[in-house]
Amino acid sequence: MNQVSKEIIAKKATIVEEVVEKFNESVSCVVVDYRGVTVEQVTELRKELREAGVEMRVIKNTYLKRAADKAGYEGLDDVFAGPTAVAFSKEDVVAPARILAKFAKNVDALEIKGGMIEGKVASLEEINALATLPSREGLLSMLLSVLQAPVRNVAYAVKAVAESKDGDAA
């Protein structure tokens, strides 16, 4: 084996290791087929994903298959076919699925193929179900309103008692 071949193999191994690291660091990732999506549409999609803290990369399927096997994600070989892009999210589990599903509704050429959610391989149906969930901020605001309801009810009851006592005193 000559020096050039060794360098190429080392470079490929480095890329696979980077992708393994991306898989391990991510709380979710969504795999899409972007065949037929225009450059302008991809640029717009990448901008929206970046604003949500999601990184989208186009990676060769052979690298993805090797990285998925090394990271322990079996069952993704079927989704690594054709032009493939992967959206990785380190923080928000819902963001990549929500943004890509919304984008796929407007752009028929983009097709969600599958992905990974919190360390488990996810089907297209699971990704679409995840996409319908509210964002983390939305869920937190719902939780906050549920937690505030009993306190608010007690405050209304105390106010009503105070008003009735004021009415009795007058």
Protein backbone atom coordinates (compact mmCIF):
# COMPACT_ATOMS: atom_id res chain seq x y z
CA MET A 1 0.00 0.00 0.00
CA ASN A 2 1.48 3.34 -0.97
CA GLN A 3 1.56 6.52 1.11
CA VAL A 4 -1.36 8.16 -0.74
CA SER A 5 -3.67 5.20 -0.07
CA LYS A 6 -2.77 5.22 3.62
CA GLU A 7 -3.56 8.95 3.83
CA ILE A 8 -6.91 8.46 2.11
CA ILE A 9 -7.84 5.60 4.46
CA ALA A 10 -6.78 7.67 7.49
CA LYS A 11 -8.87 10.62 6.26
CA LYS A 12 -11.92 8.39 5.79
CA ALA A 13 -11.45 6.90 9.27
CA THR A 14 -11.28 10.43 10.71
CA ILE A 15 -14.56 11.36 9.01
CA VAL A 16 -16.25 8.22 10.35
CA GLU A 17 -15.01 9.02 13.87
CA GLU A 18 -16.39 12.58 13.58
CA VAL A 19 -19.78 11.20 12.57
CA VAL A 20 -19.72 8.68 15.45
CA GLU A 21 -19.05 11.61 17.79
CA LYS A 22 -22.00 13.53 16.27
CA PHE A 23 -24.28 10.52 16.81
CA ASN A 24 -23.12 10.11 20.42
CA GLU A 25 -23.43 13.82 21.28
CA SER A 26 -26.89 14.23 19.73
CA VAL A 27 -30.17 13.79 21.57
CA SER A 28 -31.85 13.37 18.20
CA CYS A 29 -31.03 13.28 14.53
CA VAL A 30 -33.25 13.15 11.48
CA VAL A 31 -32.19 11.65 8.15
CA VAL A 32 -33.65 13.22 5.00
CA ASP A 33 -33.49 12.76 1.24
CA TYR A 34 -32.91 16.17 -0.30
CA ARG A 35 -33.01 15.14 -3.98
CA GLY A 36 -34.73 17.90 -5.97
CA VAL A 37 -34.45 20.61 -3.30
CA THR A 38 -33.07 23.86 -4.72
CA VAL A 39 -29.96 25.57 -3.37
CA GLU A 40 -32.10 28.49 -2.13
CA GLN A 41 -34.41 26.11 -0.26
CA VAL A 42 -31.48 24.26 1.34
CA THR A 43 -29.93 27.57 2.38
CA GLU A 44 -33.22 28.67 3.96
CA LEU A 45 -33.58 25.30 5.72
CA ARG A 46 -30.02 25.36 7.06
CA LYS A 47 -30.58 28.89 8.41
CA GLU A 48 -33.75 27.86 10.22
CA LEU A 49 -32.07 24.75 11.65
CA ARG A 50 -28.99 26.71 12.74
CA GLU A 51 -31.21 29.23 14.60
CA ALA A 52 -32.70 26.30 16.53
CA GLY A 53 -29.25 24.92 17.40
CA VAL A 54 -29.44 22.07 14.87
CA GLU A 55 -26.57 21.19 12.51
CA MET A 56 -27.39 19.72 9.10
CA ARG A 57 -24.66 17.89 7.18
CA VAL A 58 -24.52 16.01 3.92
CA ILE A 59 -22.43 12.88 4.50
CA LYS A 60 -21.66 9.92 2.25
CA ASN A 61 -23.84 6.91 2.99
CA THR A 62 -20.84 4.60 3.46
CA TYR A 63 -19.50 6.87 6.22
CA LEU A 64 -22.95 7.07 7.82
CA LYS A 65 -23.38 3.29 7.79
CA ARG A 66 -19.97 2.71 9.37
CA ALA A 67 -20.50 5.44 11.96
CA ALA A 68 -23.98 4.16 12.86
CA ASP A 69 -22.61 0.64 13.33
CA LYS A 70 -19.74 1.94 15.50
CA ALA A 71 -22.16 4.05 17.57
CA GLY A 72 -24.47 1.07 18.06
CA TYR A 73 -27.42 2.21 15.92
CA GLU A 74 -28.49 -0.85 13.99
CA GLY A 75 -31.38 -0.63 11.57
CA LEU A 76 -30.41 2.64 9.91
CA ASP A 77 -28.83 1.03 6.83
CA ASP A 78 -32.13 1.30 4.92
CA VAL A 79 -32.35 5.07 5.42
CA PHE A 80 -28.77 5.62 4.27
CA ALA A 81 -29.56 5.32 0.56
CA GLY A 82 -29.65 8.00 -2.10
CA PRO A 83 -28.78 11.65 -1.42
CA THR A 84 -28.70 11.85 2.38
CA ALA A 85 -28.49 14.74 4.79
CA VAL A 86 -28.59 14.39 8.58
CA ALA A 87 -29.78 17.03 11.05
CA PHE A 88 -28.08 16.63 14.45
CA SER A 89 -29.40 18.27 17.63
CA LYS A 90 -27.43 18.27 20.87
CA GLU A 91 -30.06 19.99 23.03
CA ASP A 92 -33.62 20.02 21.67
CA VAL A 93 -35.02 16.58 20.86
CA VAL A 94 -38.01 17.96 18.97
CA ALA A 95 -36.41 20.76 16.91
CA PRO A 96 -34.98 18.81 13.95
CA ALA A 97 -38.14 16.75 13.47
CA ARG A 98 -40.44 19.77 13.80
CA ILE A 99 -38.47 22.01 11.43
CA LEU A 100 -37.87 19.31 8.81
CA ALA A 101 -41.50 18.10 8.89
CA LYS A 102 -42.77 21.67 8.45
CA PHE A 103 -40.30 22.22 5.62
CA ALA A 104 -41.26 18.89 3.95
CA LYS A 105 -44.93 20.00 3.89
CA ASN A 106 -43.97 23.09 1.89
CA VAL A 107 -41.27 21.45 -0.27
CA ASP A 108 -42.37 18.13 -1.72
CA ALA A 109 -38.82 17.23 -2.79
CA LEU A 110 -37.62 16.91 0.85
CA GLU A 111 -38.39 13.49 2.30
CA ILE A 112 -37.84 12.41 5.91
CA LYS A 113 -36.47 8.85 5.99
CA GLY A 114 -35.93 8.13 9.70
CA GLY A 115 -33.47 8.93 12.44
CA MET A 116 -32.53 8.57 16.07
CA ILE A 117 -34.28 9.84 19.20
CA GLU A 118 -32.45 9.79 22.54
CA GLY A 119 -30.19 6.88 21.62
CA LYS A 120 -32.82 4.73 19.89
CA VAL A 121 -33.40 4.23 16.17
CA ALA A 122 -36.67 5.91 15.16
CA SER A 123 -38.96 5.14 12.26
CA LEU A 124 -40.54 7.71 9.96
CA GLU A 125 -43.79 7.46 11.97
CA GLU A 126 -41.97 8.16 15.24
CA ILE A 127 -40.18 11.16 13.72
CA ASN A 128 -43.51 12.54 12.43
CA ALA A 129 -45.12 12.00 15.85
CA LEU A 130 -42.22 13.84 17.48
CA ALA A 131 -42.65 16.69 14.99
CA THR A 132 -46.17 17.37 16.25
CA LEU A 133 -45.01 17.94 19.83
CA PRO A 134 -44.62 21.54 20.98
CA SER A 135 -41.14 22.96 21.47
CA ARG A 136 -39.32 22.71 24.79
CA GLU A 137 -40.34 26.28 25.63
CA GLY A 138 -43.97 25.47 24.78
CA LEU A 139 -43.92 22.41 27.03
CA LEU A 140 -42.34 24.40 29.87
CA SER A 141 -44.98 27.13 29.59
CA MET A 142 -47.73 24.47 29.70
CA LEU A 143 -46.14 22.98 32.81
CA LEU A 144 -45.85 26.41 34.41
CA SER A 145 -49.52 27.21 33.80
CA VAL A 146 -50.53 23.85 35.31
CA LEU A 147 -48.38 24.54 38.38
CA GLN A 148 -49.75 28.08 38.74
CA ALA A 149 -53.41 27.05 38.57
CA PRO A 150 -53.77 25.88 42.23
CA VAL A 151 -52.01 29.00 43.54
CA ARG A 152 -54.22 31.21 41.39
CA ASN A 153 -57.36 29.43 42.64
CA VAL A 154 -56.31 29.92 46.27
CA ALA A 155 -55.67 33.61 45.56
CA TYR A 156 -59.15 33.99 44.02
CA ALA A 157 -60.73 32.25 47.02
CA VAL A 158 -58.88 34.50 49.50
CA LYS A 159 -59.90 37.57 47.51
CA ALA A 160 -63.53 36.45 47.42
CA VAL A 161 -63.54 35.86 51.20
CA ALA A 162 -61.94 39.28 51.78
CA GLU A 163 -64.48 40.99 49.53
CA SER A 164 -67.40 39.25 51.23
CA LYS A 165 -66.08 40.34 54.67
CA ASP A 166 -65.71 43.93 53.37
CA GLY A 167 -69.27 43.75 52.04
CA ASP A 168 -70.54 42.45 55.42
CA ALA A 169 -68.70 45.20 57.32
CA ALA A 170 -70.23 47.94 55.16
